[in-house]
Every structure is written in C-alpha cells, then in structure tokens.
C-alpha cells in the first residue's frame, strides 16, 4: 500500500472482514480489507468510527478508504 502522500492517502479496497463494536456507547468497525495489488490471502486492518463510514458495511463491498496521518477519515462505498 503505497501512500499517495506522506500525510494523506486514499485506497480502493474490498472488505474481507467487518466487525462492529462499541466503546462507551460510541460505534466503531474493525475492518479487514485487501487491495487489488495485494497477494492472494493478504489482509490489512483498520479501525473506523461508524460516523465516518457509510451505513451497514458488508463483506465483499468495494470501498474507498481515506487516511490522514495514519487515521481513517472516511470509508465510502464504490458503486
């Protein structure tokens, strides 16, 4: 996963795992994803607040993951 810039990057990915959870009432997702350029069976992981993600992410969804300084700032579904 080569960043487009040191501070800000955006990646096209496919969701492989989606685990919703709560911390003190705040919703989050643990997301496992792969990039097209990854070797078969590779899995990368991020954690994203549910208010930065589209509703009801599911395994197999094609997404864009925006990252700023190592933190996910947006998880959006690609139609």
Protein backbone atom coordinates (compact mmCIF):
# COMPACT_ATOMS: atom_id res chain seq x y z
CA UNK A 1 0.00 0.00 0.00
CA UNK A 2 1.97 2.94 -1.29
CA UNK A 3 0.69 6.25 0.09
CA UNK A 4 -0.12 8.97 -2.40
CA UNK A 5 1.35 11.43 0.10
CA UNK A 6 3.04 11.14 3.46
CA UNK A 7 0.09 12.75 5.21
CA UNK A 8 -2.93 11.84 3.09
CA UNK A 9 -3.80 8.71 1.10
CA UNK A 10 -6.82 7.08 -0.48
CA UNK A 11 -7.11 3.41 -1.40
CA UNK A 12 -9.52 1.28 -3.44
CA UNK A 13 -10.19 -1.89 -1.48
CA UNK A 14 -12.54 -4.84 -0.95
CA UNK A 15 -13.90 -5.54 2.53
CA UNK A 16 -12.93 -9.01 3.75
CA UNK A 17 -13.99 -8.67 7.43
CA UNK A 18 -16.39 -6.30 9.21
CA UNK A 19 -16.71 -6.37 13.00
CA UNK A 20 -18.92 -3.70 14.61
CA UNK A 21 -18.35 -2.89 18.29
CA UNK A 22 -18.95 -0.15 20.85
CA UNK A 23 -16.68 1.66 23.29
CA UNK A 24 -18.62 3.61 25.93
CA UNK A 25 -21.58 3.90 23.57
CA UNK A 26 -19.55 5.07 20.55
CA UNK A 27 -19.78 2.79 17.50
CA UNK A 28 -16.76 1.54 15.58
CA UNK A 29 -15.87 -1.04 12.94
CA UNK A 30 -12.79 -3.24 12.80
CA UNK A 31 -12.30 -3.65 9.07
CA UNK A 32 -10.19 -6.26 7.29
CA UNK A 33 -9.59 -5.37 3.66
CA UNK A 34 -7.47 -6.21 0.65
CA UNK A 35 -6.16 -4.19 -2.27
CA UNK A 36 -6.10 -5.48 -5.85
CA UNK A 37 -2.31 -5.32 -5.78
CA UNK A 38 -2.05 -7.48 -2.63
CA UNK A 39 -1.01 -11.13 -2.88
CA UNK A 40 -3.87 -13.66 -2.61
CA UNK A 41 -4.97 -14.07 1.01
CA UNK A 42 -3.40 -10.82 2.26
CA UNK A 43 -5.41 -8.88 4.80
CA UNK A 44 -4.90 -5.34 6.08
CA UNK A 45 -6.74 -3.91 9.06
CA UNK A 46 -8.09 -0.54 10.13
CA UNK A 47 -10.47 0.70 12.79
CA UNK A 48 -13.01 3.37 11.86
CA UNK A 49 -15.68 5.25 13.77
CA UNK A 50 -19.16 4.44 12.48
CA UNK A 51 -19.84 8.13 11.83
CA UNK A 52 -17.01 8.12 9.25
CA UNK A 53 -18.35 5.06 7.39
CA UNK A 54 -21.30 4.50 5.09
CA UNK A 55 -24.27 2.67 6.66
CA UNK A 56 -24.04 -1.10 7.12
CA UNK A 57 -20.68 -2.04 5.53
CA UNK A 58 -20.60 -5.69 4.41
CA UNK A 59 -18.03 -8.26 3.38
CA UNK A 60 -17.42 -8.06 -0.37
CA UNK A 61 -18.19 -4.33 -0.65
CA UNK A 62 -15.86 -2.31 -2.88
CA UNK A 63 -14.77 0.78 -0.96
CA UNK A 64 -12.50 3.80 -0.87
CA UNK A 65 -10.57 4.23 2.37
CA UNK A 66 -9.27 7.76 3.04
CA UNK A 67 -6.42 8.05 5.54
CA UNK A 68 -4.90 11.19 7.00
CA UNK A 69 -1.76 10.91 9.13
CA UNK A 70 -2.44 7.23 9.80
CA UNK A 71 -6.10 7.66 10.78
CA UNK A 72 -9.13 6.68 8.70
CA UNK A 73 -11.12 9.81 7.83
CA UNK A 74 -13.69 8.22 5.52
CA UNK A 75 -14.90 4.80 4.42
CA UNK A 76 -17.12 5.16 1.36
CA UNK A 77 -18.78 2.52 -0.81
CA UNK A 78 -17.95 2.41 -4.51
CA UNK A 79 -20.96 1.56 -6.68
